Each structure stands twice: as C-alpha cells, then as structure tokens.
N, C-alpha and C. Protein backbone atom coordinates (compact mmCIF):
# COMPACT_ATOMS: atom_id res chain seq x y z
N ASP A 1 -22.57 43.10 71.23
CA ASP A 1 -23.01 42.18 70.21
C ASP A 1 -22.90 42.89 68.86
N CYS A 2 -22.05 42.32 67.94
CA CYS A 2 -21.83 42.93 66.62
C CYS A 2 -22.48 42.09 65.55
N ASP A 3 -23.16 42.73 64.68
CA ASP A 3 -23.77 42.04 63.54
C ASP A 3 -23.28 42.71 62.25
N ALA A 4 -23.09 41.88 61.23
CA ALA A 4 -22.72 42.39 59.91
C ALA A 4 -23.57 41.68 58.87
N GLU A 5 -23.88 42.36 57.87
CA GLU A 5 -24.72 41.76 56.84
C GLU A 5 -24.27 42.28 55.48
N THR A 6 -24.26 41.41 54.51
CA THR A 6 -23.93 41.82 53.15
C THR A 6 -24.82 41.07 52.19
N SER A 7 -24.96 41.55 51.01
CA SER A 7 -25.76 40.85 50.00
C SER A 7 -25.06 40.99 48.66
N MET A 8 -25.33 40.03 47.82
CA MET A 8 -24.73 40.03 46.49
C MET A 8 -25.75 39.46 45.52
N ASN A 9 -25.85 40.07 44.38
CA ASN A 9 -26.74 39.53 43.35
C ASN A 9 -26.00 38.45 42.57
N VAL A 10 -26.66 37.33 42.42
CA VAL A 10 -26.10 36.21 41.65
C VAL A 10 -26.97 36.04 40.42
N GLU A 11 -26.31 36.08 39.28
CA GLU A 11 -27.04 35.91 38.02
C GLU A 11 -26.91 34.47 37.55
N ILE A 12 -28.03 33.83 37.38
CA ILE A 12 -28.04 32.46 36.86
C ILE A 12 -28.24 32.54 35.35
N VAL A 13 -27.26 32.03 34.63
CA VAL A 13 -27.27 32.11 33.17
C VAL A 13 -27.80 30.81 32.59
N VAL A 14 -28.62 30.93 31.59
CA VAL A 14 -29.16 29.75 30.91
C VAL A 14 -28.04 29.08 30.12
N GLY A 15 -27.93 27.78 30.25
CA GLY A 15 -26.90 27.04 29.52
C GLY A 15 -27.39 26.60 28.15
N PRO A 16 -26.47 26.19 27.29
CA PRO A 16 -26.84 25.75 25.94
C PRO A 16 -27.42 24.33 25.95
N THR A 17 -28.05 23.98 24.85
CA THR A 17 -28.48 22.60 24.62
C THR A 17 -27.76 22.11 23.38
N ALA A 18 -26.84 21.17 23.60
CA ALA A 18 -26.03 20.66 22.49
C ALA A 18 -26.87 19.73 21.61
N GLU A 19 -26.65 19.80 20.31
CA GLU A 19 -27.31 18.91 19.36
C GLU A 19 -26.55 18.96 18.05
N PHE A 20 -26.60 17.86 17.29
CA PHE A 20 -26.00 17.83 15.97
C PHE A 20 -26.69 16.79 15.11
N VAL A 21 -26.49 16.91 13.79
CA VAL A 21 -27.01 15.95 12.83
C VAL A 21 -25.88 15.52 11.91
N PHE A 22 -26.09 14.42 11.20
CA PHE A 22 -25.10 13.90 10.26
C PHE A 22 -25.84 12.94 9.33
N GLU A 23 -25.16 12.54 8.25
CA GLU A 23 -25.68 11.49 7.39
C GLU A 23 -24.86 10.25 7.62
N GLU A 24 -25.52 9.09 7.61
CA GLU A 24 -24.78 7.84 7.78
C GLU A 24 -23.66 7.80 6.76
N GLY A 25 -22.54 7.21 7.14
CA GLY A 25 -21.36 7.28 6.30
C GLY A 25 -20.96 5.96 5.69
N CYS A 26 -20.11 6.05 4.69
CA CYS A 26 -19.50 4.89 4.06
C CYS A 26 -18.03 4.83 4.44
N LEU A 27 -17.50 3.66 4.50
CA LEU A 27 -16.11 3.45 4.85
C LEU A 27 -15.19 4.29 3.96
N GLY A 28 -14.31 5.07 4.59
CA GLY A 28 -13.31 5.83 3.84
C GLY A 28 -13.81 7.08 3.16
N THR A 29 -15.07 7.45 3.36
CA THR A 29 -15.60 8.66 2.74
C THR A 29 -15.92 9.69 3.82
N PRO A 30 -15.80 10.99 3.52
CA PRO A 30 -16.03 12.02 4.54
C PRO A 30 -17.48 12.03 5.03
N VAL A 31 -17.63 12.11 6.35
CA VAL A 31 -18.94 12.26 6.97
C VAL A 31 -19.00 13.66 7.55
N ALA A 32 -19.99 14.45 7.13
CA ALA A 32 -20.13 15.83 7.60
C ALA A 32 -21.06 15.87 8.81
N PHE A 33 -20.62 16.58 9.85
CA PHE A 33 -21.41 16.78 11.06
C PHE A 33 -21.84 18.24 11.12
N THR A 34 -23.12 18.48 11.43
CA THR A 34 -23.66 19.84 11.48
C THR A 34 -24.12 20.14 12.90
N ASP A 35 -23.55 21.18 13.49
CA ASP A 35 -23.90 21.61 14.84
C ASP A 35 -25.27 22.28 14.85
N LEU A 36 -26.14 21.85 15.76
CA LEU A 36 -27.47 22.47 15.92
C LEU A 36 -27.66 22.95 17.36
N THR A 37 -26.57 23.22 18.07
CA THR A 37 -26.65 23.65 19.46
C THR A 37 -27.45 24.95 19.56
N THR A 38 -28.34 25.03 20.56
CA THR A 38 -29.12 26.24 20.80
C THR A 38 -28.63 26.92 22.08
N THR A 39 -28.71 28.23 22.11
CA THR A 39 -28.26 28.99 23.28
C THR A 39 -29.33 29.07 24.35
N ASN A 40 -30.58 28.81 24.00
CA ASN A 40 -31.72 28.92 24.94
C ASN A 40 -31.86 30.32 25.52
N GLY A 41 -31.44 31.32 24.76
CA GLY A 41 -31.52 32.70 25.23
C GLY A 41 -30.30 33.14 26.02
N GLY A 42 -29.36 32.24 26.22
CA GLY A 42 -28.13 32.57 26.93
C GLY A 42 -27.09 33.14 25.99
N PRO A 43 -25.86 33.28 26.47
CA PRO A 43 -24.79 33.83 25.62
C PRO A 43 -24.42 32.90 24.47
N ALA A 44 -23.71 33.45 23.53
CA ALA A 44 -23.34 32.73 22.30
C ALA A 44 -22.46 31.52 22.61
N ILE A 45 -22.50 30.55 21.70
CA ILE A 45 -21.63 29.38 21.80
C ILE A 45 -20.26 29.79 21.27
N VAL A 46 -19.23 29.51 22.06
CA VAL A 46 -17.88 29.93 21.67
C VAL A 46 -16.92 28.77 21.48
N GLN A 47 -17.35 27.57 21.87
CA GLN A 47 -16.42 26.44 21.75
C GLN A 47 -17.20 25.15 21.48
N TRP A 48 -16.63 24.34 20.58
CA TRP A 48 -17.18 23.03 20.26
C TRP A 48 -16.05 22.02 20.42
N LEU A 49 -16.34 20.92 21.07
CA LEU A 49 -15.36 19.85 21.17
C LEU A 49 -16.04 18.55 20.73
N TRP A 50 -15.53 17.99 19.65
CA TRP A 50 -16.07 16.76 19.07
C TRP A 50 -15.13 15.61 19.39
N ASN A 51 -15.71 14.47 19.72
CA ASN A 51 -14.97 13.22 19.84
C ASN A 51 -15.72 12.21 18.97
N PHE A 52 -15.05 11.70 17.94
CA PHE A 52 -15.72 10.84 16.97
C PHE A 52 -15.77 9.37 17.37
N GLY A 53 -15.22 9.04 18.53
CA GLY A 53 -15.26 7.65 18.99
C GLY A 53 -14.45 6.72 18.11
N ASP A 54 -13.42 7.27 17.46
CA ASP A 54 -12.62 6.55 16.48
C ASP A 54 -11.13 6.70 16.83
N PRO A 55 -10.69 6.11 17.96
CA PRO A 55 -9.31 6.33 18.40
C PRO A 55 -8.25 5.90 17.38
N ALA A 56 -8.60 4.98 16.49
CA ALA A 56 -7.64 4.55 15.46
C ALA A 56 -7.28 5.68 14.52
N SER A 57 -8.07 6.75 14.47
CA SER A 57 -7.78 7.88 13.58
C SER A 57 -6.78 8.86 14.20
N GLY A 58 -6.28 8.58 15.40
CA GLY A 58 -5.24 9.41 16.02
C GLY A 58 -5.73 10.80 16.34
N VAL A 59 -4.93 11.81 15.95
CA VAL A 59 -5.29 13.20 16.27
C VAL A 59 -6.56 13.65 15.55
N SER A 60 -6.96 12.93 14.52
CA SER A 60 -8.19 13.27 13.79
C SER A 60 -9.44 12.82 14.53
N ASN A 61 -9.28 12.14 15.68
CA ASN A 61 -10.43 11.65 16.44
C ASN A 61 -11.19 12.78 17.13
N THR A 62 -10.58 13.96 17.25
CA THR A 62 -11.26 15.09 17.87
C THR A 62 -11.19 16.29 16.94
N SER A 63 -12.11 17.23 17.18
CA SER A 63 -12.12 18.46 16.38
C SER A 63 -12.71 19.57 17.23
N SER A 64 -12.27 20.81 16.98
CA SER A 64 -12.85 21.98 17.65
C SER A 64 -13.60 22.87 16.65
N LEU A 65 -13.81 22.37 15.44
CA LEU A 65 -14.59 23.11 14.45
C LEU A 65 -16.08 23.03 14.79
N GLN A 66 -16.84 24.01 14.35
CA GLN A 66 -18.28 23.97 14.60
C GLN A 66 -18.95 22.88 13.78
N ASN A 67 -18.55 22.74 12.53
CA ASN A 67 -19.16 21.76 11.62
C ASN A 67 -18.05 20.94 10.96
N PRO A 68 -17.52 19.95 11.65
CA PRO A 68 -16.38 19.21 11.13
C PRO A 68 -16.77 18.10 10.15
N VAL A 69 -15.73 17.57 9.52
CA VAL A 69 -15.86 16.39 8.65
C VAL A 69 -14.89 15.36 9.18
N HIS A 70 -15.32 14.09 9.22
CA HIS A 70 -14.44 13.03 9.70
C HIS A 70 -14.53 11.83 8.76
N ILE A 71 -13.39 11.18 8.52
CA ILE A 71 -13.35 9.97 7.69
C ILE A 71 -13.10 8.78 8.61
N PHE A 72 -14.03 7.84 8.61
CA PHE A 72 -13.90 6.61 9.37
C PHE A 72 -13.26 5.56 8.46
N ASN A 73 -12.15 4.96 8.88
CA ASN A 73 -11.43 4.00 8.05
C ASN A 73 -11.71 2.55 8.42
N THR A 74 -12.63 2.34 9.33
CA THR A 74 -13.13 1.00 9.62
C THR A 74 -14.65 1.07 9.67
N ALA A 75 -15.30 -0.02 9.28
CA ALA A 75 -16.75 -0.07 9.33
C ALA A 75 -17.19 -0.42 10.74
N GLY A 76 -18.41 -0.05 11.09
CA GLY A 76 -18.95 -0.37 12.40
C GLY A 76 -19.79 0.76 12.94
N THR A 77 -20.11 0.66 14.24
CA THR A 77 -20.91 1.68 14.91
C THR A 77 -19.99 2.49 15.82
N PHE A 78 -20.07 3.81 15.71
CA PHE A 78 -19.23 4.72 16.48
C PHE A 78 -20.12 5.67 17.28
N THR A 79 -19.72 5.97 18.52
CA THR A 79 -20.44 6.93 19.35
C THR A 79 -19.72 8.27 19.26
N VAL A 80 -20.42 9.27 18.72
CA VAL A 80 -19.85 10.59 18.52
C VAL A 80 -20.40 11.53 19.59
N LEU A 81 -19.49 12.25 20.26
CA LEU A 81 -19.87 13.20 21.31
C LEU A 81 -19.57 14.62 20.89
N LEU A 82 -20.47 15.54 21.22
CA LEU A 82 -20.26 16.97 21.04
C LEU A 82 -20.48 17.66 22.38
N THR A 83 -19.47 18.41 22.82
CA THR A 83 -19.60 19.27 24.00
C THR A 83 -19.55 20.71 23.51
N SER A 84 -20.66 21.45 23.76
CA SER A 84 -20.76 22.86 23.36
C SER A 84 -20.62 23.72 24.61
N THR A 85 -19.84 24.81 24.47
CA THR A 85 -19.58 25.70 25.60
C THR A 85 -20.00 27.12 25.23
N SER A 86 -20.77 27.77 26.12
CA SER A 86 -21.20 29.14 25.87
C SER A 86 -20.17 30.13 26.41
N ALA A 87 -20.36 31.40 26.09
CA ALA A 87 -19.44 32.46 26.53
C ALA A 87 -19.39 32.56 28.05
N SER A 88 -20.42 32.11 28.74
CA SER A 88 -20.42 32.16 30.21
C SER A 88 -19.76 30.93 30.82
N GLY A 89 -19.30 29.99 29.97
CA GLY A 89 -18.64 28.78 30.47
C GLY A 89 -19.58 27.62 30.71
N CYS A 90 -20.85 27.79 30.46
CA CYS A 90 -21.81 26.69 30.62
C CYS A 90 -21.63 25.70 29.48
N GLN A 91 -21.75 24.40 29.80
CA GLN A 91 -21.54 23.36 28.81
C GLN A 91 -22.72 22.40 28.75
N ASP A 92 -22.85 21.78 27.61
CA ASP A 92 -23.79 20.66 27.45
C ASP A 92 -23.18 19.68 26.48
N THR A 93 -23.42 18.40 26.71
CA THR A 93 -22.87 17.34 25.87
C THR A 93 -24.00 16.48 25.33
N ILE A 94 -23.87 16.10 24.07
CA ILE A 94 -24.83 15.19 23.42
C ILE A 94 -24.03 14.12 22.70
N GLN A 95 -24.59 12.92 22.60
CA GLN A 95 -23.94 11.85 21.84
C GLN A 95 -24.96 11.16 20.95
N HIS A 96 -24.48 10.75 19.77
CA HIS A 96 -25.28 9.97 18.84
C HIS A 96 -24.41 8.86 18.27
N SER A 97 -25.03 7.75 17.92
CA SER A 97 -24.31 6.64 17.28
C SER A 97 -24.42 6.78 15.78
N ILE A 98 -23.30 6.53 15.10
CA ILE A 98 -23.28 6.57 13.64
C ILE A 98 -22.83 5.20 13.14
N ILE A 99 -23.50 4.73 12.10
CA ILE A 99 -23.14 3.45 11.49
C ILE A 99 -22.33 3.74 10.23
N VAL A 100 -21.11 3.23 10.19
CA VAL A 100 -20.25 3.38 9.02
C VAL A 100 -20.31 2.06 8.25
N THR A 101 -20.77 2.14 7.02
CA THR A 101 -21.06 0.96 6.20
C THR A 101 -19.85 0.57 5.37
N PRO A 102 -19.54 -0.73 5.30
CA PRO A 102 -18.43 -1.15 4.41
C PRO A 102 -18.78 -0.90 2.95
N LEU A 103 -17.75 -0.72 2.13
CA LEU A 103 -17.97 -0.51 0.70
C LEU A 103 -18.35 -1.82 0.04
N PRO A 104 -19.16 -1.77 -1.01
CA PRO A 104 -19.53 -3.00 -1.69
C PRO A 104 -18.34 -3.61 -2.43
N LEU A 105 -18.28 -4.93 -2.46
CA LEU A 105 -17.27 -5.61 -3.26
C LEU A 105 -17.67 -5.52 -4.73
N VAL A 106 -16.69 -5.42 -5.61
CA VAL A 106 -16.99 -5.29 -7.03
C VAL A 106 -15.95 -6.05 -7.85
N ALA A 107 -16.44 -6.79 -8.85
CA ALA A 107 -15.59 -7.53 -9.78
C ALA A 107 -16.45 -7.85 -11.00
N PHE A 108 -15.78 -8.09 -12.14
CA PHE A 108 -16.54 -8.47 -13.33
C PHE A 108 -15.73 -9.40 -14.20
N ASN A 109 -16.46 -10.08 -15.10
CA ASN A 109 -15.86 -11.01 -16.05
C ASN A 109 -16.28 -10.62 -17.46
N VAL A 110 -15.42 -10.96 -18.43
CA VAL A 110 -15.76 -10.83 -19.85
C VAL A 110 -16.21 -12.22 -20.27
N THR A 111 -17.47 -12.32 -20.74
CA THR A 111 -18.05 -13.65 -20.97
C THR A 111 -18.29 -13.97 -22.43
N SER A 112 -17.62 -13.23 -23.33
CA SER A 112 -17.74 -13.56 -24.76
C SER A 112 -16.44 -13.19 -25.45
N GLY A 113 -16.38 -13.41 -26.76
CA GLY A 113 -15.17 -13.14 -27.53
C GLY A 113 -14.74 -11.68 -27.47
N THR A 114 -13.47 -11.47 -27.81
CA THR A 114 -12.92 -10.11 -27.72
C THR A 114 -12.23 -9.72 -29.02
N CYS A 115 -12.99 -9.72 -30.09
CA CYS A 115 -12.45 -9.32 -31.39
C CYS A 115 -13.10 -8.03 -31.86
N VAL A 116 -12.37 -7.29 -32.69
CA VAL A 116 -12.91 -6.06 -33.26
C VAL A 116 -14.21 -6.36 -34.00
N GLY A 117 -15.21 -5.53 -33.78
CA GLY A 117 -16.48 -5.65 -34.49
C GLY A 117 -17.41 -6.70 -33.94
N SER A 118 -16.99 -7.47 -32.94
CA SER A 118 -17.85 -8.49 -32.34
C SER A 118 -18.34 -8.01 -30.98
N PRO A 119 -19.59 -8.32 -30.65
CA PRO A 119 -20.11 -7.91 -29.34
C PRO A 119 -19.33 -8.58 -28.20
N VAL A 120 -18.95 -7.78 -27.22
CA VAL A 120 -18.26 -8.28 -26.03
C VAL A 120 -19.22 -8.11 -24.86
N THR A 121 -19.46 -9.18 -24.11
CA THR A 121 -20.39 -9.13 -22.99
C THR A 121 -19.63 -9.03 -21.67
N PHE A 122 -20.06 -8.09 -20.83
CA PHE A 122 -19.47 -7.88 -19.51
C PHE A 122 -20.49 -8.29 -18.46
N GLU A 123 -20.02 -9.00 -17.44
CA GLU A 123 -20.93 -9.53 -16.43
C GLU A 123 -20.36 -9.33 -15.03
N PRO A 124 -21.15 -8.75 -14.10
CA PRO A 124 -20.68 -8.65 -12.72
C PRO A 124 -20.41 -10.05 -12.17
N ASP A 125 -19.37 -10.19 -11.36
CA ASP A 125 -18.99 -11.49 -10.80
C ASP A 125 -19.81 -11.77 -9.54
N ALA A 126 -20.85 -12.58 -9.69
CA ALA A 126 -21.75 -12.88 -8.57
C ALA A 126 -21.08 -13.71 -7.48
N THR A 127 -19.91 -14.30 -7.77
CA THR A 127 -19.21 -15.04 -6.72
C THR A 127 -18.51 -14.09 -5.75
N VAL A 128 -18.30 -12.84 -6.18
CA VAL A 128 -17.65 -11.83 -5.34
C VAL A 128 -18.66 -10.82 -4.82
N MET A 129 -19.60 -10.42 -5.67
CA MET A 129 -20.53 -9.34 -5.36
C MET A 129 -21.87 -9.86 -4.84
N ASP A 130 -22.50 -9.07 -3.96
CA ASP A 130 -23.87 -9.31 -3.55
C ASP A 130 -24.76 -8.48 -4.48
N LEU A 131 -25.19 -9.09 -5.57
CA LEU A 131 -25.92 -8.35 -6.61
C LEU A 131 -27.25 -7.82 -6.11
N THR A 132 -27.84 -8.44 -5.08
CA THR A 132 -29.12 -7.95 -4.55
C THR A 132 -28.94 -6.63 -3.81
N ALA A 133 -27.71 -6.28 -3.42
CA ALA A 133 -27.46 -5.04 -2.68
C ALA A 133 -26.98 -3.91 -3.59
N ILE A 134 -26.91 -4.14 -4.91
CA ILE A 134 -26.43 -3.11 -5.84
C ILE A 134 -27.62 -2.32 -6.39
N ALA A 135 -27.57 -1.00 -6.20
CA ALA A 135 -28.65 -0.13 -6.67
C ALA A 135 -28.41 0.36 -8.09
N SER A 136 -27.11 0.55 -8.47
CA SER A 136 -26.86 1.02 -9.83
C SER A 136 -25.48 0.56 -10.31
N PHE A 137 -25.39 0.41 -11.64
CA PHE A 137 -24.16 0.02 -12.32
C PHE A 137 -23.78 1.13 -13.28
N GLU A 138 -22.47 1.34 -13.47
CA GLU A 138 -21.99 2.24 -14.52
C GLU A 138 -20.74 1.62 -15.12
N TRP A 139 -20.80 1.33 -16.43
CA TRP A 139 -19.69 0.73 -17.15
C TRP A 139 -19.06 1.77 -18.06
N ASN A 140 -17.76 1.96 -17.92
CA ASN A 140 -17.00 2.81 -18.83
C ASN A 140 -16.09 1.87 -19.61
N PHE A 141 -16.30 1.79 -20.92
CA PHE A 141 -15.60 0.79 -21.74
C PHE A 141 -14.20 1.22 -22.17
N GLY A 142 -13.80 2.44 -21.83
CA GLY A 142 -12.43 2.88 -22.07
C GLY A 142 -12.11 3.28 -23.50
N ASP A 143 -13.14 3.40 -24.33
CA ASP A 143 -12.89 3.78 -25.72
C ASP A 143 -13.57 5.08 -26.11
N GLY A 144 -13.99 5.86 -25.11
CA GLY A 144 -14.60 7.15 -25.39
C GLY A 144 -16.08 7.11 -25.72
N THR A 145 -16.68 5.93 -25.75
CA THR A 145 -18.11 5.82 -26.02
C THR A 145 -18.89 6.11 -24.74
N PRO A 146 -20.19 6.39 -24.84
CA PRO A 146 -20.99 6.68 -23.64
C PRO A 146 -20.99 5.48 -22.67
N VAL A 147 -21.15 5.80 -21.38
CA VAL A 147 -21.21 4.75 -20.37
C VAL A 147 -22.52 4.00 -20.50
N SER A 148 -22.55 2.79 -19.92
CA SER A 148 -23.77 1.99 -19.89
C SER A 148 -24.17 1.78 -18.44
N ASN A 149 -25.47 1.80 -18.18
CA ASN A 149 -26.00 1.55 -16.84
C ASN A 149 -26.67 0.19 -16.74
N SER A 150 -26.45 -0.64 -17.74
CA SER A 150 -27.01 -1.99 -17.74
C SER A 150 -26.23 -2.87 -16.74
N PRO A 151 -26.91 -3.77 -16.04
CA PRO A 151 -26.18 -4.68 -15.15
C PRO A 151 -25.22 -5.60 -15.91
N MET A 152 -25.59 -6.01 -17.14
CA MET A 152 -24.76 -6.92 -17.92
C MET A 152 -24.75 -6.45 -19.38
N PRO A 153 -23.92 -5.45 -19.68
CA PRO A 153 -23.96 -4.85 -21.02
C PRO A 153 -23.17 -5.65 -22.05
N THR A 154 -23.49 -5.37 -23.30
CA THR A 154 -22.71 -5.86 -24.44
C THR A 154 -22.18 -4.63 -25.16
N HIS A 155 -20.89 -4.68 -25.55
CA HIS A 155 -20.27 -3.53 -26.19
C HIS A 155 -19.42 -4.01 -27.36
N THR A 156 -19.44 -3.26 -28.45
CA THR A 156 -18.65 -3.59 -29.62
C THR A 156 -17.53 -2.56 -29.78
N TYR A 157 -16.29 -3.05 -29.86
CA TYR A 157 -15.13 -2.18 -30.08
C TYR A 157 -14.85 -2.13 -31.58
N ASN A 158 -14.57 -0.93 -32.09
CA ASN A 158 -14.35 -0.75 -33.52
C ASN A 158 -12.87 -0.76 -33.90
N VAL A 159 -12.00 -0.77 -32.91
CA VAL A 159 -10.56 -0.84 -33.16
C VAL A 159 -9.94 -1.84 -32.19
N ALA A 160 -8.82 -2.41 -32.61
CA ALA A 160 -8.10 -3.33 -31.73
C ALA A 160 -7.28 -2.53 -30.73
N GLY A 161 -6.97 -3.15 -29.60
CA GLY A 161 -6.13 -2.49 -28.61
C GLY A 161 -6.43 -3.00 -27.21
N ILE A 162 -5.78 -2.37 -26.26
CA ILE A 162 -6.00 -2.70 -24.85
C ILE A 162 -6.78 -1.55 -24.23
N PHE A 163 -7.92 -1.86 -23.62
CA PHE A 163 -8.82 -0.85 -23.08
C PHE A 163 -9.00 -1.06 -21.58
N ASP A 164 -8.99 0.06 -20.82
CA ASP A 164 -9.27 0.03 -19.38
C ASP A 164 -10.78 0.13 -19.19
N VAL A 165 -11.39 -0.97 -18.75
CA VAL A 165 -12.83 -1.00 -18.53
C VAL A 165 -13.08 -0.84 -17.03
N THR A 166 -13.94 0.13 -16.68
CA THR A 166 -14.23 0.42 -15.28
C THR A 166 -15.69 0.15 -14.98
N LEU A 167 -15.93 -0.65 -13.94
CA LEU A 167 -17.28 -0.86 -13.41
C LEU A 167 -17.38 -0.12 -12.09
N THR A 168 -18.34 0.80 -12.00
CA THR A 168 -18.61 1.53 -10.76
C THR A 168 -20.01 1.14 -10.30
N VAL A 169 -20.11 0.75 -9.03
CA VAL A 169 -21.42 0.37 -8.48
C VAL A 169 -21.73 1.24 -7.27
N VAL A 170 -23.03 1.45 -7.06
CA VAL A 170 -23.53 2.10 -5.85
C VAL A 170 -24.48 1.11 -5.20
N ASP A 171 -24.25 0.83 -3.90
CA ASP A 171 -25.13 -0.14 -3.24
C ASP A 171 -26.33 0.54 -2.62
N THR A 172 -27.21 -0.25 -2.02
CA THR A 172 -28.46 0.27 -1.47
C THR A 172 -28.23 1.17 -0.26
N ASP A 173 -27.02 1.18 0.32
CA ASP A 173 -26.68 2.09 1.41
C ASP A 173 -26.10 3.40 0.87
N GLY A 174 -25.93 3.51 -0.46
CA GLY A 174 -25.37 4.71 -1.07
C GLY A 174 -23.86 4.72 -1.13
N CYS A 175 -23.22 3.58 -0.83
CA CYS A 175 -21.76 3.50 -0.87
C CYS A 175 -21.31 3.09 -2.27
N THR A 176 -20.17 3.65 -2.70
CA THR A 176 -19.67 3.46 -4.07
C THR A 176 -18.34 2.73 -4.08
N SER A 177 -18.20 1.78 -5.02
CA SER A 177 -16.92 1.11 -5.27
C SER A 177 -16.73 0.99 -6.77
N ALA A 178 -15.47 0.87 -7.17
CA ALA A 178 -15.16 0.73 -8.60
C ALA A 178 -13.98 -0.20 -8.77
N ILE A 179 -13.93 -0.83 -9.94
CA ILE A 179 -12.78 -1.65 -10.31
C ILE A 179 -12.49 -1.40 -11.78
N THR A 180 -11.21 -1.39 -12.13
CA THR A 180 -10.79 -1.23 -13.52
C THR A 180 -9.96 -2.44 -13.92
N GLN A 181 -10.32 -3.03 -15.06
CA GLN A 181 -9.58 -4.17 -15.60
C GLN A 181 -9.26 -3.86 -17.06
N GLN A 182 -8.12 -4.39 -17.54
CA GLN A 182 -7.77 -4.23 -18.93
C GLN A 182 -8.40 -5.34 -19.76
N VAL A 183 -8.92 -4.95 -20.90
CA VAL A 183 -9.51 -5.90 -21.85
C VAL A 183 -8.77 -5.72 -23.17
N THR A 184 -8.27 -6.82 -23.71
CA THR A 184 -7.55 -6.79 -24.98
C THR A 184 -8.50 -7.17 -26.10
N ILE A 185 -8.64 -6.28 -27.06
CA ILE A 185 -9.49 -6.52 -28.22
C ILE A 185 -8.57 -6.81 -29.41
N GLY A 186 -8.73 -8.00 -29.98
CA GLY A 186 -7.85 -8.45 -31.06
C GLY A 186 -8.36 -8.03 -32.42
N ALA A 187 -7.40 -7.83 -33.34
CA ALA A 187 -7.74 -7.48 -34.71
C ALA A 187 -8.24 -8.73 -35.43
N LEU A 188 -9.06 -8.54 -36.42
CA LEU A 188 -9.56 -9.66 -37.21
C LEU A 188 -8.43 -10.14 -38.15
N PRO A 189 -8.33 -11.44 -38.33
CA PRO A 189 -7.30 -11.94 -39.25
C PRO A 189 -7.65 -11.60 -40.70
N VAL A 190 -6.62 -11.45 -41.51
CA VAL A 190 -6.83 -11.18 -42.92
C VAL A 190 -6.80 -12.52 -43.65
N ALA A 191 -7.89 -12.83 -44.32
CA ALA A 191 -7.98 -14.12 -45.00
C ALA A 191 -7.13 -14.09 -46.25
C-alpha cells in the first residue's frame, strides 16, 4: 500500500473595487471621467477599460486611460462601464448612467430701428427658445463695446456699418449655445 502526500500554499489576493465619478454632460462637449478604484490592500491597479455605451462614436466608445474624456454627440441616457484590473489579474466592474443634455436653442430679433445714434433693441426669439430654461444671457454687439447680460438689451451704435452680433446663452443644465447674426446700422441722412 503506497501513499503520497503533498501540500501547496495558496495565496488569496484581495481584488479591487471599481468606482468612478463624472459630471453630467452637454451634447457635443467633453465629459471627464475620474477613476476612484480602490485596491483594498491588494496590488496596484494596472489596467482600466472604459465602455461609454455610445457605439455611434466608433473607436472612441472605449478607452484604456485611467481618467478619460468622452464627447457624446447625441443626447440621452448612456450606461458607462469601467473594468479595473489589478497586477494580480483580479478585476471588478462598475457601471453608472450618465444623462447627456441637448443644447439650448437660441435665436434673436432686432425689434427697433437700426440707425446710427438711435437705440437698437435686441430680443431673444421666444418662438424658438425656452426662455424659462435660460440661466444667463451674454450679448456681444460686435463694435468693441462691453458685453451686456440683459435678457433684452438696447444698444446704440456710433458708426454705420455691418456688425456681427452674438447672443450666448447658458441654460439651467449648464449647457451653452450661441448664435451670430449680422446687423446693418445705417448712416443718418444729410438734410
């Protein structure tokens, strides 16, 4: 009767706990993701694999950076996954949903005369814009004067010409849109 016996020590390594944070994003603007994976006393994290749940972005839908940035080109809710791998090969995966907000619509009208030395009134176009969702306005009148933050400003041009007027709005979600229109300011007639 033959007996054999052997023993081997097996080391159980603590695996990582994957985690990340981000700020809600706006359509077409970079969203930064920050890795918060912990080692739990195990070996260092050596690999990160991100899937942004945005297959329309092609090869940009994944990243192996620790703290990547991704641009979502459609609005909606996306499920983002992070798989973190430690030096011992242990993995953990976490997922969070991110809401990508559409940009606010923006348009404006000139609602008064456009002659040199006369007040010109600019008004956001309420037929296009949801004015209740706009947190701030910035008007650049294109003539080198300071910008205005009034929702419906009046501006006087001191010279005739064609000016590029830009309205930039930020909505209550923090998303920004702008539009530029040309305004022609006419010279006063000589009597």
